[in-house]
């Protein structure tokens, strides 16, 4: 097969010369080298000005001319999100409101499952194991897990007032009961159950 070679001539000076526009300012004979938008609603339709007139046009150009304050604010807010729809942050569907295990940090079902497991472990860590010293101490205080340090302290003060030997005429059983209360208080304050 025969190859056809085409030799192109290099373009001459006439090919590089762009058509000259005149300045759109009335009474100006300069070249229109600089473009400026005609109106807010026609941003791709341009006036062509010389340098002097484009500077003057830009100095008096007001994109928001003819708009009231509310319209300007609405336009600015719309532009901050690139004219995309938005909704208030933190609003969730009914499914999210029903299921306490779904958090913002959980993006997949695997993450949700990990979150549920973590929460179950934390909840179990706050409960005493059967037969543990913490369970016995809670029984002395007549409380159930989970408990806070403040509730432990308040219950301790009430029990000490009630069972102190001086308040019970120096009774030996009150003294023994106070020792048990003090031991239970020390156990609870040292345990991870007290949040």
N, C-alpha and C. Protein backbone atom coordinates (compact mmCIF):
# COMPACT_ATOMS: atom_id res chain seq x y z
N UNK A 1 0.84 -1.16 0.00
CA UNK A 1 0.00 0.00 0.00
C UNK A 1 0.89 1.23 0.00
N UNK A 2 0.45 2.17 -0.73
CA UNK A 2 1.24 3.38 -0.91
C UNK A 2 0.92 4.38 0.21
N UNK A 3 1.94 4.90 0.83
CA UNK A 3 1.75 5.90 1.88
C UNK A 3 1.64 7.28 1.26
N UNK A 4 0.71 8.02 1.77
CA UNK A 4 0.55 9.38 1.28
C UNK A 4 1.14 10.31 2.32
N UNK A 5 2.06 11.08 1.89
CA UNK A 5 2.66 12.06 2.79
C UNK A 5 2.18 13.44 2.39
N UNK A 6 1.70 14.12 3.38
CA UNK A 6 1.22 15.46 3.09
C UNK A 6 2.14 16.44 3.76
N UNK A 7 2.63 17.35 3.04
CA UNK A 7 3.51 18.37 3.59
C UNK A 7 2.71 19.64 3.80
N UNK A 8 2.68 20.06 5.04
CA UNK A 8 1.97 21.29 5.35
C UNK A 8 2.94 22.45 5.38
N UNK A 9 2.47 23.54 4.91
CA UNK A 9 3.30 24.74 4.97
C UNK A 9 3.17 25.34 6.36
N UNK A 10 4.25 25.86 6.88
CA UNK A 10 4.14 26.53 8.17
C UNK A 10 3.22 27.73 8.05
N UNK A 11 2.44 27.97 9.12
CA UNK A 11 1.50 29.09 9.05
C UNK A 11 2.25 30.41 8.94
N UNK A 12 1.70 31.30 8.20
CA UNK A 12 2.31 32.61 8.02
C UNK A 12 1.87 33.56 9.12
N UNK A 13 2.36 34.79 9.08
CA UNK A 13 2.01 35.76 10.11
C UNK A 13 0.52 36.08 10.14
N UNK A 14 -0.17 35.92 9.06
CA UNK A 14 -1.60 36.23 9.02
C UNK A 14 -2.40 35.22 9.85
N UNK A 15 -1.92 33.99 9.96
CA UNK A 15 -2.63 32.96 10.73
C UNK A 15 -2.57 33.23 12.22
N UNK A 16 -1.51 33.88 12.71
CA UNK A 16 -1.36 34.16 14.14
C UNK A 16 -2.10 35.41 14.57
N UNK A 17 -2.45 36.22 13.68
CA UNK A 17 -3.09 37.49 14.04
C UNK A 17 -4.54 37.24 14.41
N UNK A 18 -4.89 37.52 15.67
CA UNK A 18 -6.26 37.37 16.13
C UNK A 18 -7.04 38.60 15.69
N UNK A 19 -8.32 38.41 15.47
CA UNK A 19 -9.10 39.58 15.07
C UNK A 19 -9.12 40.60 16.21
N UNK A 20 -8.94 41.82 15.87
CA UNK A 20 -8.90 42.89 16.87
C UNK A 20 -10.33 43.34 17.18
N UNK A 21 -10.62 43.38 18.47
CA UNK A 21 -11.91 43.89 18.92
C UNK A 21 -11.72 45.34 19.32
N UNK A 22 -12.74 46.07 19.17
CA UNK A 22 -12.70 47.45 19.62
C UNK A 22 -13.22 47.54 21.03
N UNK A 23 -12.82 48.55 21.76
CA UNK A 23 -13.28 48.77 23.13
C UNK A 23 -14.77 49.09 23.09
N UNK A 24 -15.55 48.45 23.98
CA UNK A 24 -17.00 48.65 24.03
C UNK A 24 -17.40 49.92 24.76
N UNK A 25 -16.44 50.65 25.33
CA UNK A 25 -16.77 51.90 26.00
C UNK A 25 -17.14 52.93 24.94
N UNK A 26 -18.22 53.68 25.16
CA UNK A 26 -18.62 54.67 24.15
C UNK A 26 -17.53 55.72 23.93
N UNK A 27 -17.22 55.97 22.68
CA UNK A 27 -16.26 57.00 22.31
C UNK A 27 -14.82 56.59 22.42
N UNK A 28 -14.52 55.30 22.70
CA UNK A 28 -13.13 54.85 22.84
C UNK A 28 -12.73 54.13 21.57
N UNK A 29 -11.54 54.46 21.07
CA UNK A 29 -11.03 53.83 19.84
C UNK A 29 -9.98 52.77 20.16
N UNK A 30 -9.76 52.44 21.45
CA UNK A 30 -8.74 51.47 21.85
C UNK A 30 -9.15 50.05 21.52
N UNK A 31 -8.21 49.14 21.68
CA UNK A 31 -8.46 47.72 21.43
C UNK A 31 -9.13 47.09 22.65
N UNK A 32 -10.14 46.26 22.42
CA UNK A 32 -10.83 45.55 23.50
C UNK A 32 -10.12 44.27 23.84
N UNK A 33 -9.12 44.35 24.71
CA UNK A 33 -8.32 43.17 25.06
C UNK A 33 -8.82 42.46 26.31
N UNK A 34 -9.59 43.16 27.14
CA UNK A 34 -9.99 42.62 28.44
C UNK A 34 -11.50 42.46 28.49
N UNK A 35 -11.93 41.31 28.94
CA UNK A 35 -13.36 41.05 28.99
C UNK A 35 -13.92 41.30 30.39
N UNK A 36 -15.20 41.62 30.44
CA UNK A 36 -15.90 41.86 31.69
C UNK A 36 -17.34 41.38 31.50
N UNK A 37 -17.94 40.74 32.50
CA UNK A 37 -19.30 40.22 32.34
C UNK A 37 -20.32 41.35 32.16
N UNK A 38 -21.33 41.08 31.35
CA UNK A 38 -22.34 42.10 31.08
C UNK A 38 -23.31 42.26 32.26
N UNK A 39 -23.73 41.15 32.88
CA UNK A 39 -24.69 41.22 33.98
C UNK A 39 -24.53 39.99 34.87
N UNK A 40 -25.15 40.04 36.04
CA UNK A 40 -25.05 38.94 37.00
C UNK A 40 -25.66 37.66 36.43
N UNK A 41 -26.73 37.79 35.68
CA UNK A 41 -27.39 36.60 35.12
C UNK A 41 -26.82 36.19 33.76
N UNK A 42 -25.85 36.93 33.24
CA UNK A 42 -25.20 36.58 31.97
C UNK A 42 -23.69 36.68 32.15
N UNK A 43 -23.13 35.82 32.96
CA UNK A 43 -21.71 35.91 33.28
C UNK A 43 -20.80 35.44 32.15
N UNK A 44 -21.34 34.76 31.16
CA UNK A 44 -20.51 34.32 30.04
C UNK A 44 -20.70 35.20 28.80
N UNK A 45 -21.45 36.25 28.93
CA UNK A 45 -21.64 37.23 27.86
C UNK A 45 -20.81 38.45 28.26
N UNK A 46 -19.86 38.85 27.43
CA UNK A 46 -18.86 39.83 27.87
C UNK A 46 -18.89 41.14 27.09
N UNK A 47 -18.47 42.19 27.81
CA UNK A 47 -18.02 43.43 27.19
C UNK A 47 -16.52 43.27 26.97
N UNK A 48 -15.98 43.92 25.98
CA UNK A 48 -14.54 43.92 25.74
C UNK A 48 -14.06 45.36 25.86
N UNK A 49 -13.11 45.56 26.79
CA UNK A 49 -12.63 46.91 27.08
C UNK A 49 -11.12 47.00 26.92
N UNK A 50 -10.67 48.23 26.79
CA UNK A 50 -9.24 48.49 26.89
C UNK A 50 -8.90 48.52 28.38
N UNK A 51 -7.62 48.58 28.71
CA UNK A 51 -7.19 48.49 30.11
C UNK A 51 -7.80 49.59 30.97
N UNK A 52 -7.82 50.80 30.47
CA UNK A 52 -8.35 51.94 31.23
C UNK A 52 -9.83 51.74 31.55
N UNK A 53 -10.61 51.31 30.56
CA UNK A 53 -12.04 51.18 30.77
C UNK A 53 -12.42 49.92 31.55
N UNK A 54 -11.62 48.84 31.43
CA UNK A 54 -11.93 47.65 32.24
C UNK A 54 -11.67 47.93 33.71
N UNK A 55 -10.67 48.73 34.01
CA UNK A 55 -10.41 49.12 35.41
C UNK A 55 -11.58 49.93 35.96
N UNK A 56 -12.07 50.87 35.17
CA UNK A 56 -13.19 51.70 35.61
C UNK A 56 -14.46 50.84 35.78
N UNK A 57 -14.69 49.93 34.84
CA UNK A 57 -15.87 49.04 34.91
C UNK A 57 -15.80 48.15 36.15
N UNK A 58 -14.63 47.56 36.41
CA UNK A 58 -14.47 46.68 37.58
C UNK A 58 -14.62 47.44 38.89
N UNK A 59 -14.20 48.70 38.90
CA UNK A 59 -14.30 49.51 40.13
C UNK A 59 -15.76 49.76 40.50
N UNK A 60 -16.64 49.87 39.52
CA UNK A 60 -18.04 50.15 39.84
C UNK A 60 -18.94 48.92 39.72
N UNK A 61 -18.39 47.77 39.33
CA UNK A 61 -19.17 46.53 39.19
C UNK A 61 -19.62 46.04 40.55
N UNK A 62 -20.90 45.73 40.69
CA UNK A 62 -21.45 45.20 41.93
C UNK A 62 -22.32 44.00 41.57
N UNK A 63 -21.85 42.85 41.88
CA UNK A 63 -22.57 41.62 41.56
C UNK A 63 -23.94 41.59 42.23
N UNK A 64 -24.04 42.17 43.42
CA UNK A 64 -25.27 42.11 44.20
C UNK A 64 -26.18 43.31 43.98
N UNK A 65 -25.92 44.12 42.98
CA UNK A 65 -26.75 45.31 42.72
C UNK A 65 -28.19 44.87 42.44
N UNK A 66 -29.14 45.57 43.05
CA UNK A 66 -30.55 45.28 42.83
C UNK A 66 -31.11 44.19 43.73
N UNK A 67 -30.29 43.65 44.63
CA UNK A 67 -30.76 42.60 45.54
C UNK A 67 -30.89 43.17 46.94
N UNK A 68 -31.91 42.70 47.68
CA UNK A 68 -32.02 43.14 49.07
C UNK A 68 -31.14 42.26 49.95
N UNK A 69 -31.09 42.58 51.24
CA UNK A 69 -30.18 41.89 52.16
C UNK A 69 -30.49 40.39 52.28
N UNK A 70 -31.76 40.05 52.29
CA UNK A 70 -32.16 38.65 52.43
C UNK A 70 -31.74 37.85 51.20
N UNK A 71 -31.92 38.43 50.03
CA UNK A 71 -31.52 37.74 48.80
C UNK A 71 -30.01 37.55 48.74
N UNK A 72 -29.26 38.55 49.18
CA UNK A 72 -27.80 38.45 49.20
C UNK A 72 -27.37 37.34 50.15
N UNK A 73 -27.96 37.30 51.34
CA UNK A 73 -27.62 36.27 52.32
C UNK A 73 -27.95 34.88 51.79
N UNK A 74 -29.12 34.73 51.17
CA UNK A 74 -29.51 33.43 50.61
C UNK A 74 -28.53 32.99 49.52
N UNK A 75 -28.13 33.93 48.67
CA UNK A 75 -27.19 33.61 47.59
C UNK A 75 -25.83 33.20 48.14
N UNK A 76 -25.35 33.91 49.16
CA UNK A 76 -24.05 33.58 49.77
C UNK A 76 -24.11 32.20 50.42
N UNK A 77 -25.18 31.93 51.17
CA UNK A 77 -25.31 30.62 51.81
C UNK A 77 -25.39 29.50 50.78
N UNK A 78 -26.10 29.75 49.69
CA UNK A 78 -26.21 28.75 48.63
C UNK A 78 -24.86 28.53 47.96
N UNK A 79 -24.07 29.57 47.81
CA UNK A 79 -22.76 29.44 47.17
C UNK A 79 -21.75 28.71 48.06
N UNK A 80 -21.92 28.77 49.38
CA UNK A 80 -20.97 28.09 50.26
C UNK A 80 -21.06 26.57 50.14
N UNK A 81 -22.19 26.07 49.65
CA UNK A 81 -22.34 24.62 49.44
C UNK A 81 -22.40 24.27 47.96
N UNK A 82 -21.92 25.16 47.13
CA UNK A 82 -21.84 24.95 45.68
C UNK A 82 -23.21 24.63 45.08
N UNK A 83 -24.23 25.28 45.59
CA UNK A 83 -25.62 25.13 45.12
C UNK A 83 -26.12 23.69 45.24
N UNK A 84 -25.65 22.98 46.26
CA UNK A 84 -26.08 21.61 46.51
C UNK A 84 -27.08 21.61 47.66
N UNK A 85 -28.01 20.66 47.71
CA UNK A 85 -28.97 20.60 48.82
C UNK A 85 -28.26 20.25 50.13
N UNK A 86 -28.75 20.79 51.21
CA UNK A 86 -28.17 20.50 52.53
C UNK A 86 -29.29 20.18 53.51
N UNK A 87 -28.92 19.70 54.69
CA UNK A 87 -29.86 19.44 55.77
C UNK A 87 -29.12 19.68 57.07
N UNK A 88 -29.83 19.94 58.16
CA UNK A 88 -29.16 20.24 59.43
C UNK A 88 -28.28 19.09 59.89
N UNK A 89 -27.14 19.41 60.42
CA UNK A 89 -26.20 18.41 60.92
C UNK A 89 -26.80 17.73 62.14
N UNK A 90 -26.67 16.43 62.19
CA UNK A 90 -27.13 15.69 63.36
C UNK A 90 -28.53 15.13 63.23
N UNK A 91 -29.25 15.45 62.16
CA UNK A 91 -30.57 14.86 62.00
C UNK A 91 -30.40 13.44 61.49
N UNK A 92 -31.17 12.56 62.07
CA UNK A 92 -31.05 11.15 61.72
C UNK A 92 -32.42 10.58 61.40
N UNK A 93 -32.44 9.49 60.72
CA UNK A 93 -33.71 8.83 60.40
C UNK A 93 -34.25 8.14 61.65
N UNK A 94 -35.46 7.65 61.53
CA UNK A 94 -36.08 6.97 62.67
C UNK A 94 -35.29 5.74 63.08
N UNK A 95 -34.64 5.08 62.12
CA UNK A 95 -33.84 3.89 62.44
C UNK A 95 -32.71 4.25 63.39
N UNK A 96 -32.06 5.39 63.15
CA UNK A 96 -30.96 5.80 64.01
C UNK A 96 -31.47 6.14 65.41
N UNK A 97 -32.67 6.70 65.49
CA UNK A 97 -33.21 7.07 66.80
C UNK A 97 -33.61 5.84 67.60
N UNK A 98 -34.05 4.77 66.91
CA UNK A 98 -34.46 3.55 67.61
C UNK A 98 -33.29 2.73 68.09
N UNK A 99 -32.23 2.68 67.33
CA UNK A 99 -31.10 1.80 67.64
C UNK A 99 -29.99 2.58 68.34
N UNK A 100 -29.83 2.39 69.65
CA UNK A 100 -28.81 3.16 70.38
C UNK A 100 -27.39 2.72 70.05
N UNK A 101 -27.22 1.62 69.32
CA UNK A 101 -25.89 1.11 69.02
C UNK A 101 -25.28 1.72 67.77
N UNK A 102 -26.08 2.52 67.04
CA UNK A 102 -25.56 3.13 65.82
C UNK A 102 -25.02 4.50 66.18
N UNK A 103 -23.77 4.72 65.88
CA UNK A 103 -23.11 5.99 66.18
C UNK A 103 -22.57 6.58 64.89
N UNK A 104 -22.17 7.85 64.97
CA UNK A 104 -21.60 8.51 63.78
C UNK A 104 -20.32 7.83 63.35
N UNK A 105 -19.60 7.23 64.27
CA UNK A 105 -18.32 6.63 63.91
C UNK A 105 -18.47 5.26 63.25
N UNK A 106 -19.67 4.70 63.27
CA UNK A 106 -19.88 3.36 62.72
C UNK A 106 -20.41 3.48 61.30
N UNK A 107 -19.60 3.08 60.34
CA UNK A 107 -19.98 3.25 58.94
C UNK A 107 -20.43 1.95 58.28
N UNK A 108 -20.08 0.82 58.82
CA UNK A 108 -20.46 -0.44 58.19
C UNK A 108 -21.05 -1.37 59.24
N UNK A 109 -21.65 -2.44 58.76
CA UNK A 109 -22.24 -3.42 59.67
C UNK A 109 -21.16 -4.02 60.57
N UNK A 110 -19.97 -4.20 60.03
CA UNK A 110 -18.86 -4.74 60.82
C UNK A 110 -18.49 -3.77 61.95
N UNK A 111 -18.47 -2.48 61.64
CA UNK A 111 -18.18 -1.48 62.66
C UNK A 111 -19.26 -1.46 63.73
N UNK A 112 -20.53 -1.58 63.30
CA UNK A 112 -21.62 -1.61 64.27
C UNK A 112 -21.48 -2.79 65.21
N UNK A 113 -21.12 -3.95 64.66
CA UNK A 113 -20.96 -5.14 65.49
C UNK A 113 -19.82 -4.96 66.48
N UNK A 114 -18.70 -4.39 66.02
CA UNK A 114 -17.58 -4.12 66.92
C UNK A 114 -18.00 -3.16 68.02
N UNK A 115 -18.80 -2.16 67.67
CA UNK A 115 -19.27 -1.19 68.66
C UNK A 115 -20.17 -1.86 69.69
N UNK A 116 -21.05 -2.73 69.25
CA UNK A 116 -21.93 -3.46 70.18
C UNK A 116 -21.11 -4.34 71.12
N UNK A 117 -20.12 -5.02 70.59
CA UNK A 117 -19.26 -5.89 71.41
C UNK A 117 -18.51 -5.06 72.44
N UNK A 118 -17.96 -3.91 72.01
CA UNK A 118 -17.23 -3.04 72.92
C UNK A 118 -18.14 -2.54 74.04
N UNK A 119 -19.37 -2.12 73.69
CA UNK A 119 -20.30 -1.64 74.71
C UNK A 119 -20.69 -2.75 75.68
N UNK A 120 -20.88 -3.96 75.17
CA UNK A 120 -21.22 -5.09 76.04
C UNK A 120 -20.09 -5.39 77.01
N UNK A 121 -18.86 -5.32 76.52
CA UNK A 121 -17.70 -5.55 77.40
C UNK A 121 -17.62 -4.48 78.48
N UNK A 122 -17.84 -3.21 78.08
CA UNK A 122 -17.79 -2.13 79.07
C UNK A 122 -18.88 -2.31 80.11
N UNK A 123 -20.08 -2.69 79.67
CA UNK A 123 -21.18 -2.88 80.61
C UNK A 123 -20.90 -4.04 81.55
N UNK A 124 -20.35 -5.12 81.02
CA UNK A 124 -20.01 -6.27 81.86
C UNK A 124 -18.88 -5.94 82.83
N UNK A 125 -17.98 -5.06 82.43
CA UNK A 125 -16.89 -4.67 83.32
C UNK A 125 -17.42 -3.86 84.50
N UNK A 126 -18.58 -3.22 84.30
CA UNK A 126 -19.16 -2.42 85.37
C UNK A 126 -20.01 -3.25 86.32
N UNK A 127 -20.23 -4.53 85.99
CA UNK A 127 -21.01 -5.41 86.86
C UNK A 127 -20.06 -6.34 87.60
N UNK A 128 -20.34 -6.58 88.86
CA UNK A 128 -19.46 -7.49 89.61
C UNK A 128 -19.70 -8.94 89.19
N UNK A 129 -18.63 -9.71 89.22
CA UNK A 129 -18.75 -11.14 88.92
C UNK A 129 -19.40 -11.82 90.14
N UNK A 130 -20.18 -12.86 89.90
CA UNK A 130 -20.80 -13.57 91.02
C UNK A 130 -19.74 -14.10 91.99
N UNK A 131 -19.95 -13.84 93.26
CA UNK A 131 -19.03 -14.31 94.29
C UNK A 131 -17.80 -13.43 94.47
N UNK A 132 -17.74 -12.31 93.77
CA UNK A 132 -16.57 -11.43 93.89
C UNK A 132 -16.71 -10.53 95.12
N UNK A 133 -15.59 -9.95 95.57
CA UNK A 133 -15.66 -9.03 96.72
C UNK A 133 -16.55 -7.82 96.42
N UNK A 134 -16.57 -7.39 95.16
CA UNK A 134 -17.41 -6.24 94.80
C UNK A 134 -18.89 -6.56 94.97
N UNK A 135 -19.28 -7.79 94.60
CA UNK A 135 -20.68 -8.18 94.75
C UNK A 135 -21.07 -8.19 96.23
N UNK A 136 -20.17 -8.71 97.08
CA UNK A 136 -20.44 -8.71 98.52
C UNK A 136 -20.53 -7.30 99.08
N UNK A 137 -19.65 -6.42 98.61
CA UNK A 137 -19.66 -5.03 99.09
C UNK A 137 -20.94 -4.32 98.67
N UNK A 138 -21.40 -4.58 97.45
CA UNK A 138 -22.66 -3.98 97.01
C UNK A 138 -23.83 -4.50 97.84
N UNK A 139 -23.78 -5.78 98.23
CA UNK A 139 -24.83 -6.34 99.08
C UNK A 139 -24.84 -5.67 100.45
N UNK A 140 -23.65 -5.38 101.00
CA UNK A 140 -23.56 -4.69 102.29
C UNK A 140 -24.20 -3.31 102.17
N UNK A 141 -23.95 -2.63 101.06
CA UNK A 141 -24.48 -1.28 100.85
C UNK A 141 -25.91 -1.30 100.33
N UNK A 142 -26.43 -2.51 100.04
CA UNK A 142 -27.78 -2.68 99.50
C UNK A 142 -27.95 -1.86 98.21
N UNK A 143 -26.98 -2.04 97.29
CA UNK A 143 -26.99 -1.33 96.01
C UNK A 143 -26.76 -2.33 94.88
N UNK A 144 -27.07 -1.89 93.65
CA UNK A 144 -26.83 -2.70 92.46
C UNK A 144 -25.96 -1.92 91.48
N UNK A 145 -25.14 -2.64 90.74
CA UNK A 145 -24.28 -2.01 89.73
C UNK A 145 -25.14 -1.56 88.55
N UNK A 146 -24.74 -0.55 87.86
CA UNK A 146 -23.56 0.30 88.01
C UNK A 146 -23.82 1.38 89.06
N UNK A 147 -22.77 1.77 89.73
CA UNK A 147 -22.85 2.79 90.77
C UNK A 147 -21.78 3.85 90.51
N UNK A 148 -22.03 5.04 91.05
CA UNK A 148 -21.04 6.11 90.93
C UNK A 148 -20.36 6.31 92.28
N UNK A 149 -19.24 6.96 92.25
CA UNK A 149 -18.51 7.23 93.49
C UNK A 149 -19.35 8.09 94.44
N UNK A 150 -20.09 9.03 93.87
CA UNK A 150 -20.91 9.90 94.71
C UNK A 150 -22.01 9.13 95.44
N UNK A 151 -22.66 8.18 94.74
CA UNK A 151 -23.70 7.40 95.42
C UNK A 151 -23.10 6.47 96.47
N UNK A 152 -21.91 5.95 96.21
CA UNK A 152 -21.23 5.10 97.21
C UNK A 152 -20.92 5.92 98.45
N UNK A 153 -20.38 7.12 98.25
CA UNK A 153 -20.03 7.98 99.40
C UNK A 153 -21.26 8.35 100.20
N UNK A 154 -22.35 8.71 99.50
CA UNK A 154 -23.58 9.10 100.20
C UNK A 154 -24.14 7.92 101.01
N UNK A 155 -24.14 6.74 100.41
CA UNK A 155 -24.65 5.56 101.11
C UNK A 155 -23.74 5.20 102.29
N UNK A 156 -22.43 5.35 102.12
CA UNK A 156 -21.47 5.08 103.20
C UNK A 156 -21.73 6.00 104.40
N UNK A 157 -21.91 7.29 104.12
CA UNK A 157 -22.17 8.24 105.22
C UNK A 157 -23.45 7.88 105.97
N UNK A 158 -24.49 7.50 105.21
CA UNK A 158 -25.75 7.14 105.86
C UNK A 158 -25.59 5.89 106.73
N UNK A 159 -24.86 4.89 106.22
CA UNK A 159 -24.66 3.66 106.99
C UNK A 159 -23.79 3.89 108.22
N UNK A 160 -22.77 4.73 108.11
CA UNK A 160 -21.90 5.01 109.26
C UNK A 160 -22.69 5.72 110.35
N UNK A 161 -23.54 6.68 109.96
CA UNK A 161 -24.36 7.37 110.96
C UNK A 161 -25.29 6.38 111.68
N UNK A 162 -25.83 5.46 110.91
CA UNK A 162 -26.79 4.52 111.46
C UNK A 162 -26.12 3.46 112.35
N UNK A 163 -24.95 2.97 111.95
CA UNK A 163 -24.33 1.84 112.64
C UNK A 163 -23.11 2.20 113.48
N UNK A 164 -22.83 3.44 113.68
CA UNK A 164 -21.65 3.82 114.47
C UNK A 164 -21.87 3.38 115.93
N UNK A 165 -20.83 2.83 116.57
CA UNK A 165 -20.99 2.35 117.96
C UNK A 165 -21.40 3.46 118.93
N UNK A 166 -20.92 4.68 118.71
CA UNK A 166 -21.29 5.77 119.61
C UNK A 166 -22.78 6.09 119.51
N UNK A 167 -23.36 5.91 118.33
CA UNK A 167 -24.79 6.18 118.16
C UNK A 167 -25.64 5.01 118.69
N UNK A 168 -25.01 3.88 118.93
CA UNK A 168 -25.72 2.69 119.39
C UNK A 168 -25.32 2.28 120.80
N UNK A 169 -24.83 3.21 121.59
CA UNK A 169 -24.51 2.94 122.99
C UNK A 169 -23.33 2.00 123.16
N UNK A 170 -22.39 1.99 122.22
CA UNK A 170 -21.19 1.17 122.33
C UNK A 170 -21.43 -0.31 122.12
N UNK A 171 -22.48 -0.67 121.43
CA UNK A 171 -22.82 -2.09 121.21
C UNK A 171 -21.74 -2.76 120.37
N UNK A 172 -21.39 -3.99 120.76
CA UNK A 172 -20.33 -4.73 120.08
C UNK A 172 -20.73 -5.11 118.66
N UNK A 173 -22.01 -5.49 118.44
CA UNK A 173 -22.44 -5.86 117.09
C UNK A 173 -22.43 -4.65 116.15
N UNK A 174 -22.66 -3.44 116.66
CA UNK A 174 -22.59 -2.22 115.85
C UNK A 174 -21.16 -1.97 115.42
N UNK A 175 -20.21 -2.25 116.32
CA UNK A 175 -18.79 -2.08 115.99
C UNK A 175 -18.38 -3.05 114.87
N UNK A 176 -18.83 -4.30 114.97
CA UNK A 176 -18.51 -5.29 113.93
C UNK A 176 -19.17 -4.91 112.60
N UNK A 177 -20.40 -4.43 112.69
CA UNK A 177 -21.11 -4.01 111.47
C UNK A 177 -20.38 -2.83 110.82
N UNK A 178 -19.84 -1.90 111.60
CA UNK A 178 -19.10 -0.75 111.06
C UNK A 178 -17.82 -1.21 110.38
N UNK A 179 -17.15 -2.24 110.93
CA UNK A 179 -15.94 -2.78 110.28
C UNK A 179 -16.29 -3.35 108.90
N UNK A 180 -17.40 -4.05 108.82
CA UNK A 180 -17.83 -4.63 107.54
C UNK A 180 -18.16 -3.51 106.54
N UNK A 181 -18.81 -2.45 107.01
CA UNK A 181 -19.15 -1.31 106.15
C UNK A 181 -17.89 -0.63 105.64
N UNK A 182 -16.90 -0.43 106.53
CA UNK A 182 -15.64 0.21 106.13
C UNK A 182 -14.90 -0.65 105.09
N UNK A 183 -14.89 -1.96 105.30
CA UNK A 183 -14.23 -2.86 104.34
C UNK A 183 -14.94 -2.82 102.99
N UNK A 184 -16.28 -2.82 103.02
CA UNK A 184 -17.05 -2.76 101.77
C UNK A 184 -16.80 -1.44 101.03
N UNK A 185 -16.72 -0.35 101.79
CA UNK A 185 -16.46 0.96 101.19
C UNK A 185 -15.09 0.98 100.51
N UNK A 186 -14.08 0.45 101.18
CA UNK A 186 -12.73 0.40 100.60
C UNK A 186 -12.72 -0.45 99.33
N UNK A 187 -13.42 -1.57 99.36
CA UNK A 187 -13.49 -2.45 98.19
C UNK A 187 -14.15 -1.75 97.01
N UNK A 188 -15.27 -1.09 97.26
CA UNK A 188 -15.99 -0.43 96.17
C UNK A 188 -15.21 0.75 95.58
N UNK A 189 -14.56 1.53 96.44
CA UNK A 189 -13.83 2.70 95.95
C UNK A 189 -12.60 2.29 95.14
N UNK A 190 -12.06 1.12 95.42
CA UNK A 190 -10.87 0.65 94.69
C UNK A 190 -11.25 -0.12 93.42
N UNK A 191 -12.51 -0.50 93.29
CA UNK A 191 -12.90 -1.34 92.15
C UNK A 191 -13.24 -0.48 90.92
N UNK A 192 -13.18 -1.09 89.74
CA UNK A 192 -13.55 -0.36 88.52
C UNK A 192 -15.06 -0.19 88.37
N UNK A 193 -15.83 -0.75 89.29
CA UNK A 193 -17.28 -0.60 89.21
C UNK A 193 -17.71 0.83 89.48
N UNK A 194 -16.96 1.50 90.35
CA UNK A 194 -17.31 2.88 90.71
C UNK A 194 -16.87 3.81 89.59
N UNK A 195 -17.85 4.36 88.92
CA UNK A 195 -17.55 5.24 87.77
C UNK A 195 -17.43 6.67 88.24
